[in-house]
Amino acid sequence: TYTVLPVAPVPVIHTHGLEDGKVPWDGGTTAGVDYPATMTTINTWVGVNGCDPTPVTIHQSEALVENRFGIPVLSEILGQQWVDPTGNGNDVVLYTLSEGGHGWKNADDGLASTDEFWAFLSARSSEYAGPIPEPATMLLFGSGILGLLLIRRSRRGA
């Protein structure tokens, strides 16, 4: 087991089923891998991000989901958000499914994970996106390096 903490706050969104048999809600060892309890992980991020320790309910519904045995069951879905008081968007969001197993949640399940994750991350992505070199710049840089290597090689051969 090891712990890695970021050097700066990072927005976090997580969805977890209480009946997850692969990564247990309460933590434990599965397939030789130790997992911390879900709330231990969430509370770590809440602390790292300096969020308000009291969550705000942002979603509450019921839906049919597949439990860990693949059987459709009625599940309560609770969305909670720990807010970054600085307003920088480093919130922590947790969607908990009372009967959910391990798997991506679809719109049919009452929680559109893809849509929720996209809305959360796209609202914050510009804050964290570093400059990405455009292809022409990389081509020019690579050509320059190649040219220098060829000049050096030709001087050695002369």
N, C-alpha and C. Protein backbone atom coordinates (compact mmCIF):
# COMPACT_ATOMS: atom_id res chain seq x y z
N THR A 1 0.84 -1.19 0.00
CA THR A 1 0.00 0.00 0.00
C THR A 1 0.87 1.24 0.00
N TYR A 2 0.52 2.22 -0.81
CA TYR A 2 1.26 3.46 -0.87
C TYR A 2 0.28 4.62 -0.97
N THR A 3 0.75 5.78 -0.61
CA THR A 3 -0.08 6.97 -0.67
C THR A 3 0.60 8.01 -1.54
N VAL A 4 -0.13 8.54 -2.49
CA VAL A 4 0.37 9.60 -3.34
C VAL A 4 -0.62 10.74 -3.26
N LEU A 5 -0.15 11.90 -2.86
CA LEU A 5 -1.02 13.07 -2.79
C LEU A 5 -0.57 14.09 -3.82
N PRO A 6 -1.51 14.79 -4.43
CA PRO A 6 -1.14 15.80 -5.42
C PRO A 6 -0.48 17.01 -4.75
N VAL A 7 0.26 17.74 -5.54
CA VAL A 7 0.91 18.94 -5.02
C VAL A 7 -0.03 20.14 -5.07
N ALA A 8 -1.15 20.00 -5.75
CA ALA A 8 -2.14 21.07 -5.83
C ALA A 8 -3.53 20.43 -5.81
N PRO A 9 -4.54 21.19 -5.41
CA PRO A 9 -5.91 20.65 -5.42
C PRO A 9 -6.33 20.18 -6.82
N VAL A 10 -7.15 19.14 -6.85
CA VAL A 10 -7.63 18.56 -8.11
C VAL A 10 -9.12 18.28 -7.96
N PRO A 11 -9.95 18.69 -8.92
CA PRO A 11 -11.37 18.35 -8.84
C PRO A 11 -11.54 16.82 -8.92
N VAL A 12 -12.48 16.29 -8.14
CA VAL A 12 -12.68 14.83 -8.08
C VAL A 12 -14.16 14.53 -8.24
N ILE A 13 -14.48 13.57 -9.10
CA ILE A 13 -15.84 13.05 -9.21
C ILE A 13 -15.73 11.53 -9.18
N HIS A 14 -16.61 10.90 -8.39
CA HIS A 14 -16.51 9.45 -8.17
C HIS A 14 -17.92 8.89 -8.06
N THR A 15 -18.14 7.74 -8.64
CA THR A 15 -19.41 7.02 -8.48
C THR A 15 -19.09 5.64 -7.92
N HIS A 16 -19.90 5.18 -6.96
CA HIS A 16 -19.58 3.91 -6.31
C HIS A 16 -20.86 3.23 -5.83
N GLY A 17 -20.95 1.93 -6.08
CA GLY A 17 -22.07 1.14 -5.59
C GLY A 17 -21.72 0.50 -4.25
N LEU A 18 -22.67 0.54 -3.33
CA LEU A 18 -22.43 -0.06 -2.01
C LEU A 18 -22.24 -1.57 -2.11
N GLU A 19 -22.73 -2.18 -3.19
CA GLU A 19 -22.61 -3.62 -3.37
C GLU A 19 -21.48 -4.01 -4.32
N ASP A 20 -20.54 -3.10 -4.53
CA ASP A 20 -19.41 -3.36 -5.43
C ASP A 20 -18.55 -4.48 -4.84
N GLY A 21 -18.46 -5.59 -5.57
CA GLY A 21 -17.67 -6.73 -5.09
C GLY A 21 -16.22 -6.69 -5.55
N LYS A 22 -15.89 -5.78 -6.47
CA LYS A 22 -14.52 -5.69 -6.98
C LYS A 22 -13.70 -4.66 -6.22
N VAL A 23 -14.30 -3.53 -5.93
CA VAL A 23 -13.65 -2.48 -5.13
C VAL A 23 -14.64 -2.17 -4.01
N PRO A 24 -14.57 -2.91 -2.89
CA PRO A 24 -15.58 -2.80 -1.84
C PRO A 24 -15.71 -1.40 -1.26
N TRP A 25 -16.96 -0.99 -1.01
CA TRP A 25 -17.25 0.32 -0.41
C TRP A 25 -16.47 0.52 0.88
N ASP A 26 -16.42 -0.51 1.70
CA ASP A 26 -15.74 -0.40 3.00
C ASP A 26 -14.25 -0.71 2.92
N GLY A 27 -13.74 -0.88 1.71
CA GLY A 27 -12.32 -1.18 1.56
C GLY A 27 -12.05 -2.66 1.78
N GLY A 28 -10.80 -3.03 1.67
CA GLY A 28 -10.41 -4.43 1.85
C GLY A 28 -9.49 -4.86 0.73
N THR A 29 -9.27 -6.17 0.66
CA THR A 29 -8.38 -6.72 -0.35
C THR A 29 -9.19 -7.53 -1.35
N THR A 30 -9.00 -7.21 -2.62
CA THR A 30 -9.64 -7.94 -3.71
C THR A 30 -8.58 -8.27 -4.73
N ALA A 31 -8.47 -9.54 -5.08
CA ALA A 31 -7.48 -10.00 -6.07
C ALA A 31 -6.07 -9.53 -5.72
N GLY A 32 -5.76 -9.54 -4.43
CA GLY A 32 -4.42 -9.17 -3.99
C GLY A 32 -4.13 -7.69 -3.92
N VAL A 33 -5.15 -6.87 -4.17
CA VAL A 33 -4.97 -5.41 -4.13
C VAL A 33 -5.73 -4.84 -2.93
N ASP A 34 -5.03 -4.04 -2.12
CA ASP A 34 -5.67 -3.39 -0.96
C ASP A 34 -6.35 -2.11 -1.40
N TYR A 35 -7.60 -1.96 -1.03
CA TYR A 35 -8.36 -0.75 -1.33
C TYR A 35 -8.77 -0.07 -0.04
N PRO A 36 -8.60 1.25 0.06
CA PRO A 36 -9.11 1.95 1.23
C PRO A 36 -10.63 2.07 1.12
N ALA A 37 -11.28 2.33 2.23
CA ALA A 37 -12.72 2.55 2.21
C ALA A 37 -13.02 3.77 1.34
N THR A 38 -14.15 3.74 0.67
CA THR A 38 -14.53 4.83 -0.23
C THR A 38 -14.52 6.18 0.48
N MET A 39 -15.10 6.23 1.68
CA MET A 39 -15.17 7.51 2.38
C MET A 39 -13.79 7.96 2.87
N THR A 40 -12.87 7.03 3.08
CA THR A 40 -11.50 7.42 3.41
C THR A 40 -10.88 8.17 2.23
N THR A 41 -11.09 7.63 1.04
CA THR A 41 -10.58 8.27 -0.17
C THR A 41 -11.24 9.64 -0.38
N ILE A 42 -12.57 9.68 -0.26
CA ILE A 42 -13.29 10.94 -0.46
C ILE A 42 -12.83 11.97 0.57
N ASN A 43 -12.73 11.57 1.83
CA ASN A 43 -12.32 12.52 2.88
C ASN A 43 -10.88 13.00 2.67
N THR A 44 -10.02 12.14 2.12
CA THR A 44 -8.66 12.56 1.80
C THR A 44 -8.70 13.68 0.78
N TRP A 45 -9.48 13.49 -0.29
CA TRP A 45 -9.58 14.52 -1.33
C TRP A 45 -10.23 15.80 -0.81
N VAL A 46 -11.23 15.65 0.05
CA VAL A 46 -11.88 16.82 0.65
C VAL A 46 -10.83 17.64 1.41
N GLY A 47 -9.96 16.95 2.15
CA GLY A 47 -8.90 17.63 2.90
C GLY A 47 -7.85 18.25 1.99
N VAL A 48 -7.38 17.48 1.01
CA VAL A 48 -6.37 17.99 0.08
C VAL A 48 -6.88 19.22 -0.66
N ASN A 49 -8.15 19.20 -1.07
CA ASN A 49 -8.72 20.30 -1.83
C ASN A 49 -9.21 21.44 -0.96
N GLY A 50 -9.18 21.26 0.37
CA GLY A 50 -9.62 22.32 1.27
C GLY A 50 -11.11 22.58 1.19
N CYS A 51 -11.89 21.54 0.86
CA CYS A 51 -13.34 21.70 0.71
C CYS A 51 -14.04 21.78 2.06
N ASP A 52 -15.23 22.34 2.04
CA ASP A 52 -16.09 22.35 3.22
C ASP A 52 -16.36 20.89 3.59
N PRO A 53 -16.15 20.49 4.85
CA PRO A 53 -16.32 19.07 5.22
C PRO A 53 -17.77 18.60 5.24
N THR A 54 -18.73 19.50 5.12
CA THR A 54 -20.14 19.12 5.11
C THR A 54 -20.63 19.12 3.67
N PRO A 55 -21.04 17.93 3.15
CA PRO A 55 -21.47 17.86 1.76
C PRO A 55 -22.86 18.46 1.54
N VAL A 56 -23.09 18.85 0.29
CA VAL A 56 -24.38 19.35 -0.16
C VAL A 56 -24.98 18.27 -1.05
N THR A 57 -26.26 17.95 -0.87
CA THR A 57 -26.92 16.96 -1.73
C THR A 57 -27.23 17.62 -3.07
N ILE A 58 -26.74 17.01 -4.14
CA ILE A 58 -26.96 17.56 -5.48
C ILE A 58 -27.80 16.64 -6.37
N HIS A 59 -28.08 15.42 -5.90
CA HIS A 59 -28.86 14.48 -6.71
C HIS A 59 -29.47 13.44 -5.76
N GLN A 60 -30.73 13.12 -6.00
CA GLN A 60 -31.38 12.07 -5.22
C GLN A 60 -32.46 11.46 -6.10
N SER A 61 -32.37 10.14 -6.33
CA SER A 61 -33.36 9.47 -7.16
C SER A 61 -33.34 7.98 -6.87
N GLU A 62 -34.25 7.26 -7.52
CA GLU A 62 -34.28 5.81 -7.47
C GLU A 62 -34.28 5.30 -8.90
N ALA A 63 -33.66 4.16 -9.11
CA ALA A 63 -33.63 3.58 -10.45
C ALA A 63 -33.32 2.10 -10.37
N LEU A 64 -33.67 1.39 -11.44
CA LEU A 64 -33.29 -0.01 -11.53
C LEU A 64 -31.84 -0.09 -11.98
N VAL A 65 -31.02 -0.80 -11.22
CA VAL A 65 -29.62 -1.02 -11.57
C VAL A 65 -29.32 -2.50 -11.40
N GLU A 66 -28.23 -2.94 -12.00
CA GLU A 66 -27.80 -4.32 -11.81
C GLU A 66 -26.92 -4.39 -10.58
N ASN A 67 -27.25 -5.34 -9.68
CA ASN A 67 -26.38 -5.51 -8.52
C ASN A 67 -25.16 -6.33 -8.93
N ARG A 68 -24.32 -6.69 -7.97
CA ARG A 68 -23.06 -7.39 -8.33
C ARG A 68 -23.29 -8.78 -8.92
N PHE A 69 -24.52 -9.28 -8.84
CA PHE A 69 -24.84 -10.58 -9.41
C PHE A 69 -25.52 -10.44 -10.78
N GLY A 70 -25.64 -9.19 -11.26
CA GLY A 70 -26.28 -8.94 -12.55
C GLY A 70 -27.79 -8.94 -12.49
N ILE A 71 -28.35 -8.87 -11.29
CA ILE A 71 -29.80 -8.90 -11.13
C ILE A 71 -30.30 -7.45 -10.99
N PRO A 72 -31.32 -7.06 -11.78
CA PRO A 72 -31.86 -5.71 -11.64
C PRO A 72 -32.56 -5.53 -10.29
N VAL A 73 -32.18 -4.49 -9.59
CA VAL A 73 -32.79 -4.17 -8.29
C VAL A 73 -33.01 -2.66 -8.21
N LEU A 74 -33.94 -2.26 -7.36
CA LEU A 74 -34.21 -0.84 -7.17
C LEU A 74 -33.12 -0.26 -6.28
N SER A 75 -32.49 0.80 -6.73
CA SER A 75 -31.39 1.40 -6.00
C SER A 75 -31.66 2.88 -5.74
N GLU A 76 -31.29 3.32 -4.57
CA GLU A 76 -31.32 4.75 -4.29
C GLU A 76 -30.00 5.33 -4.75
N ILE A 77 -30.07 6.49 -5.40
CA ILE A 77 -28.87 7.17 -5.88
C ILE A 77 -28.76 8.50 -5.16
N LEU A 78 -27.62 8.71 -4.54
CA LEU A 78 -27.39 9.95 -3.80
C LEU A 78 -26.14 10.63 -4.34
N GLY A 79 -26.29 11.87 -4.75
CA GLY A 79 -25.15 12.66 -5.21
C GLY A 79 -24.81 13.70 -4.16
N GLN A 80 -23.55 13.73 -3.74
CA GLN A 80 -23.11 14.69 -2.74
C GLN A 80 -21.92 15.47 -3.28
N GLN A 81 -21.84 16.74 -2.89
CA GLN A 81 -20.74 17.59 -3.34
C GLN A 81 -20.14 18.32 -2.15
N TRP A 82 -18.82 18.19 -2.03
CA TRP A 82 -18.06 18.93 -1.04
C TRP A 82 -17.48 20.13 -1.79
N VAL A 83 -17.87 21.31 -1.39
CA VAL A 83 -17.58 22.51 -2.16
C VAL A 83 -16.24 23.13 -1.78
N ASP A 84 -15.49 23.51 -2.82
CA ASP A 84 -14.25 24.24 -2.66
C ASP A 84 -14.62 25.69 -2.33
N PRO A 85 -14.35 26.15 -1.10
CA PRO A 85 -14.78 27.51 -0.72
C PRO A 85 -14.03 28.62 -1.44
N THR A 86 -12.92 28.29 -2.11
CA THR A 86 -12.17 29.33 -2.83
C THR A 86 -12.84 29.70 -4.15
N GLY A 87 -13.78 28.86 -4.60
CA GLY A 87 -14.44 29.12 -5.87
C GLY A 87 -13.60 28.71 -7.07
N ASN A 88 -12.51 27.98 -6.83
CA ASN A 88 -11.63 27.55 -7.92
C ASN A 88 -12.10 26.26 -8.61
N GLY A 89 -13.20 25.70 -8.17
CA GLY A 89 -13.74 24.51 -8.84
C GLY A 89 -13.14 23.20 -8.40
N ASN A 90 -12.37 23.18 -7.32
CA ASN A 90 -11.75 21.94 -6.86
C ASN A 90 -12.68 21.17 -5.94
N ASP A 91 -13.93 21.03 -6.38
CA ASP A 91 -14.94 20.33 -5.59
C ASP A 91 -14.69 18.82 -5.64
N VAL A 92 -15.31 18.13 -4.67
CA VAL A 92 -15.29 16.67 -4.64
C VAL A 92 -16.75 16.23 -4.73
N VAL A 93 -17.07 15.36 -5.70
CA VAL A 93 -18.43 14.89 -5.92
C VAL A 93 -18.45 13.37 -5.82
N LEU A 94 -19.44 12.85 -5.10
CA LEU A 94 -19.61 11.40 -4.94
C LEU A 94 -21.05 11.03 -5.24
N TYR A 95 -21.24 10.08 -6.17
CA TYR A 95 -22.55 9.50 -6.43
C TYR A 95 -22.53 8.09 -5.84
N THR A 96 -23.43 7.83 -4.92
CA THR A 96 -23.50 6.53 -4.25
C THR A 96 -24.78 5.82 -4.67
N LEU A 97 -24.65 4.56 -5.07
CA LEU A 97 -25.81 3.74 -5.43
C LEU A 97 -25.97 2.68 -4.35
N SER A 98 -27.13 2.66 -3.69
CA SER A 98 -27.34 1.75 -2.56
C SER A 98 -27.24 0.29 -2.95
N GLU A 99 -27.61 -0.04 -4.16
CA GLU A 99 -27.59 -1.44 -4.60
C GLU A 99 -26.65 -1.67 -5.77
N GLY A 100 -25.90 -0.66 -6.17
CA GLY A 100 -25.08 -0.77 -7.36
C GLY A 100 -23.86 -1.63 -7.17
N GLY A 101 -23.50 -2.35 -8.24
CA GLY A 101 -22.28 -3.14 -8.25
C GLY A 101 -21.15 -2.35 -8.88
N HIS A 102 -20.23 -3.05 -9.53
CA HIS A 102 -19.08 -2.41 -10.16
C HIS A 102 -19.36 -2.27 -11.65
N GLY A 103 -19.45 -1.08 -12.12
CA GLY A 103 -19.70 -0.87 -13.55
C GLY A 103 -20.11 0.55 -13.81
N TRP A 104 -20.04 0.93 -15.07
CA TRP A 104 -20.41 2.27 -15.51
C TRP A 104 -21.92 2.39 -15.49
N LYS A 105 -22.41 3.48 -15.01
CA LYS A 105 -23.85 3.68 -14.90
C LYS A 105 -24.37 4.39 -16.15
N ASN A 106 -25.47 3.89 -16.67
CA ASN A 106 -26.06 4.45 -17.88
C ASN A 106 -27.28 5.30 -17.53
N ALA A 107 -27.77 6.03 -18.51
CA ALA A 107 -28.95 6.85 -18.31
C ALA A 107 -30.12 5.98 -17.86
N ASP A 108 -30.17 4.73 -18.36
CA ASP A 108 -31.25 3.82 -17.98
C ASP A 108 -31.21 3.52 -16.48
N ASP A 109 -30.04 3.66 -15.87
CA ASP A 109 -29.88 3.37 -14.45
C ASP A 109 -30.30 4.53 -13.57
N GLY A 110 -30.71 5.65 -14.16
CA GLY A 110 -31.11 6.80 -13.37
C GLY A 110 -29.96 7.75 -13.10
N LEU A 111 -28.77 7.37 -13.51
CA LEU A 111 -27.60 8.25 -13.37
C LEU A 111 -26.79 8.10 -14.64
N ALA A 112 -26.74 9.15 -15.42
CA ALA A 112 -25.98 9.11 -16.66
C ALA A 112 -24.54 9.48 -16.35
N SER A 113 -23.73 8.49 -15.97
CA SER A 113 -22.35 8.75 -15.55
C SER A 113 -21.58 9.56 -16.57
N THR A 114 -21.68 9.17 -17.83
CA THR A 114 -20.92 9.88 -18.86
C THR A 114 -21.30 11.35 -18.89
N ASP A 115 -22.60 11.63 -18.88
CA ASP A 115 -23.06 13.03 -18.91
C ASP A 115 -22.64 13.79 -17.66
N GLU A 116 -22.77 13.14 -16.50
CA GLU A 116 -22.41 13.80 -15.23
C GLU A 116 -20.92 14.08 -15.18
N PHE A 117 -20.11 13.10 -15.56
CA PHE A 117 -18.66 13.27 -15.53
C PHE A 117 -18.24 14.35 -16.53
N TRP A 118 -18.82 14.32 -17.73
CA TRP A 118 -18.46 15.31 -18.74
C TRP A 118 -18.80 16.73 -18.27
N ALA A 119 -19.99 16.90 -17.72
CA ALA A 119 -20.40 18.23 -17.23
C ALA A 119 -19.44 18.71 -16.14
N PHE A 120 -19.09 17.82 -15.22
CA PHE A 120 -18.20 18.18 -14.12
C PHE A 120 -16.81 18.54 -14.63
N LEU A 121 -16.23 17.67 -15.45
CA LEU A 121 -14.86 17.87 -15.90
C LEU A 121 -14.72 18.98 -16.94
N SER A 122 -15.67 19.09 -17.85
CA SER A 122 -15.55 20.12 -18.88
C SER A 122 -15.70 21.51 -18.30
N ALA A 123 -16.44 21.63 -17.20
CA ALA A 123 -16.58 22.94 -16.55
C ALA A 123 -15.27 23.36 -15.90
N ARG A 124 -14.36 22.41 -15.68
CA ARG A 124 -13.12 22.70 -14.98
C ARG A 124 -11.88 22.48 -15.83
N SER A 125 -12.01 21.87 -16.99
CA SER A 125 -10.84 21.44 -17.76
C SER A 125 -9.94 22.58 -18.19
N SER A 126 -10.49 23.72 -18.53
CA SER A 126 -9.65 24.81 -19.02
C SER A 126 -8.71 25.33 -17.94
N GLU A 127 -9.09 25.12 -16.69
CA GLU A 127 -8.25 25.58 -15.58
C GLU A 127 -6.98 24.74 -15.46
N TYR A 128 -7.01 23.51 -15.95
CA TYR A 128 -5.91 22.57 -15.73
C TYR A 128 -5.17 22.20 -16.99
N ALA A 129 -5.71 22.61 -18.12
CA ALA A 129 -5.08 22.22 -19.38
C ALA A 129 -3.83 23.05 -19.61
N GLY A 130 -2.71 22.37 -19.66
CA GLY A 130 -1.46 23.06 -19.96
C GLY A 130 -1.35 23.26 -21.46
N PRO A 131 -0.38 24.04 -21.88
CA PRO A 131 -0.21 24.24 -23.31
C PRO A 131 0.18 22.95 -23.99
N ILE A 132 -0.45 22.67 -25.10
CA ILE A 132 -0.15 21.47 -25.88
C ILE A 132 0.47 21.92 -27.19
N PRO A 133 1.71 21.49 -27.48
CA PRO A 133 2.34 21.92 -28.72
C PRO A 133 1.53 21.50 -29.93
N GLU A 134 1.38 22.38 -30.87
CA GLU A 134 0.68 22.04 -32.09
C GLU A 134 1.60 21.17 -32.94
N PRO A 135 1.03 20.35 -33.83
CA PRO A 135 1.85 19.43 -34.63
C PRO A 135 2.94 20.14 -35.44
N ALA A 136 2.65 21.30 -36.01
CA ALA A 136 3.65 22.00 -36.83
C ALA A 136 4.86 22.39 -36.00
N THR A 137 4.62 22.82 -34.75
CA THR A 137 5.73 23.19 -33.88
C THR A 137 6.60 21.98 -33.57
N MET A 138 5.97 20.86 -33.30
CA MET A 138 6.72 19.64 -33.01
C MET A 138 7.49 19.17 -34.24
N LEU A 139 6.89 19.30 -35.43
CA LEU A 139 7.58 18.92 -36.66
C LEU A 139 8.80 19.81 -36.89
N LEU A 140 8.64 21.11 -36.69
CA LEU A 140 9.74 22.04 -36.86
C LEU A 140 10.87 21.74 -35.86
N PHE A 141 10.51 21.51 -34.61
CA PHE A 141 11.49 21.19 -33.59
C PHE A 141 12.23 19.90 -33.94
N GLY A 142 11.48 18.87 -34.32
CA GLY A 142 12.08 17.59 -34.68
C GLY A 142 13.00 17.70 -35.88
N SER A 143 12.58 18.50 -36.88
CA SER A 143 13.42 18.70 -38.07
C SER A 143 14.73 19.39 -37.70
N GLY A 144 14.66 20.36 -36.79
CA GLY A 144 15.86 21.06 -36.34
C GLY A 144 16.84 20.11 -35.66
N ILE A 145 16.33 19.28 -34.78
CA ILE A 145 17.17 18.30 -34.08
C ILE A 145 17.79 17.33 -35.09
N LEU A 146 16.99 16.84 -36.02
CA LEU A 146 17.49 15.91 -37.04
C LEU A 146 18.59 16.58 -37.87
N GLY A 147 18.37 17.84 -38.25
CA GLY A 147 19.37 18.57 -39.02
C GLY A 147 20.68 18.71 -38.26
N LEU A 148 20.61 19.02 -36.97
CA LEU A 148 21.82 19.13 -36.16
C LEU A 148 22.56 17.80 -36.07
N LEU A 149 21.80 16.72 -35.93
CA LEU A 149 22.45 15.40 -35.87
C LEU A 149 23.13 15.05 -37.19
N LEU A 150 22.49 15.38 -38.31
CA LEU A 150 23.08 15.09 -39.62
C LEU A 150 24.34 15.93 -39.85
N ILE A 151 24.32 17.19 -39.45
CA ILE A 151 25.52 18.04 -39.58
C ILE A 151 26.65 17.46 -38.75
N ARG A 152 26.34 17.07 -37.54
CA ARG A 152 27.37 16.50 -36.66
C ARG A 152 27.95 15.22 -37.26
N ARG A 153 27.07 14.40 -37.79
CA ARG A 153 27.51 13.13 -38.38
C ARG A 153 28.39 13.38 -39.61
N SER A 154 27.99 14.36 -40.45
CA SER A 154 28.77 14.62 -41.65
C SER A 154 30.14 15.20 -41.30
N ARG A 155 30.26 15.96 -40.22
CA ARG A 155 31.55 16.50 -39.81
C ARG A 155 32.46 15.40 -39.26
N ARG A 156 31.87 14.42 -38.61
CA ARG A 156 32.68 13.31 -38.11
C ARG A 156 33.24 12.47 -39.24
N GLY A 157 32.45 12.34 -40.31
CA GLY A 157 32.86 11.52 -41.45
C GLY A 157 33.88 12.22 -42.35
N ALA A 158 33.99 13.54 -42.25
CA ALA A 158 34.89 14.28 -43.15
C ALA A 158 36.32 14.29 -42.72
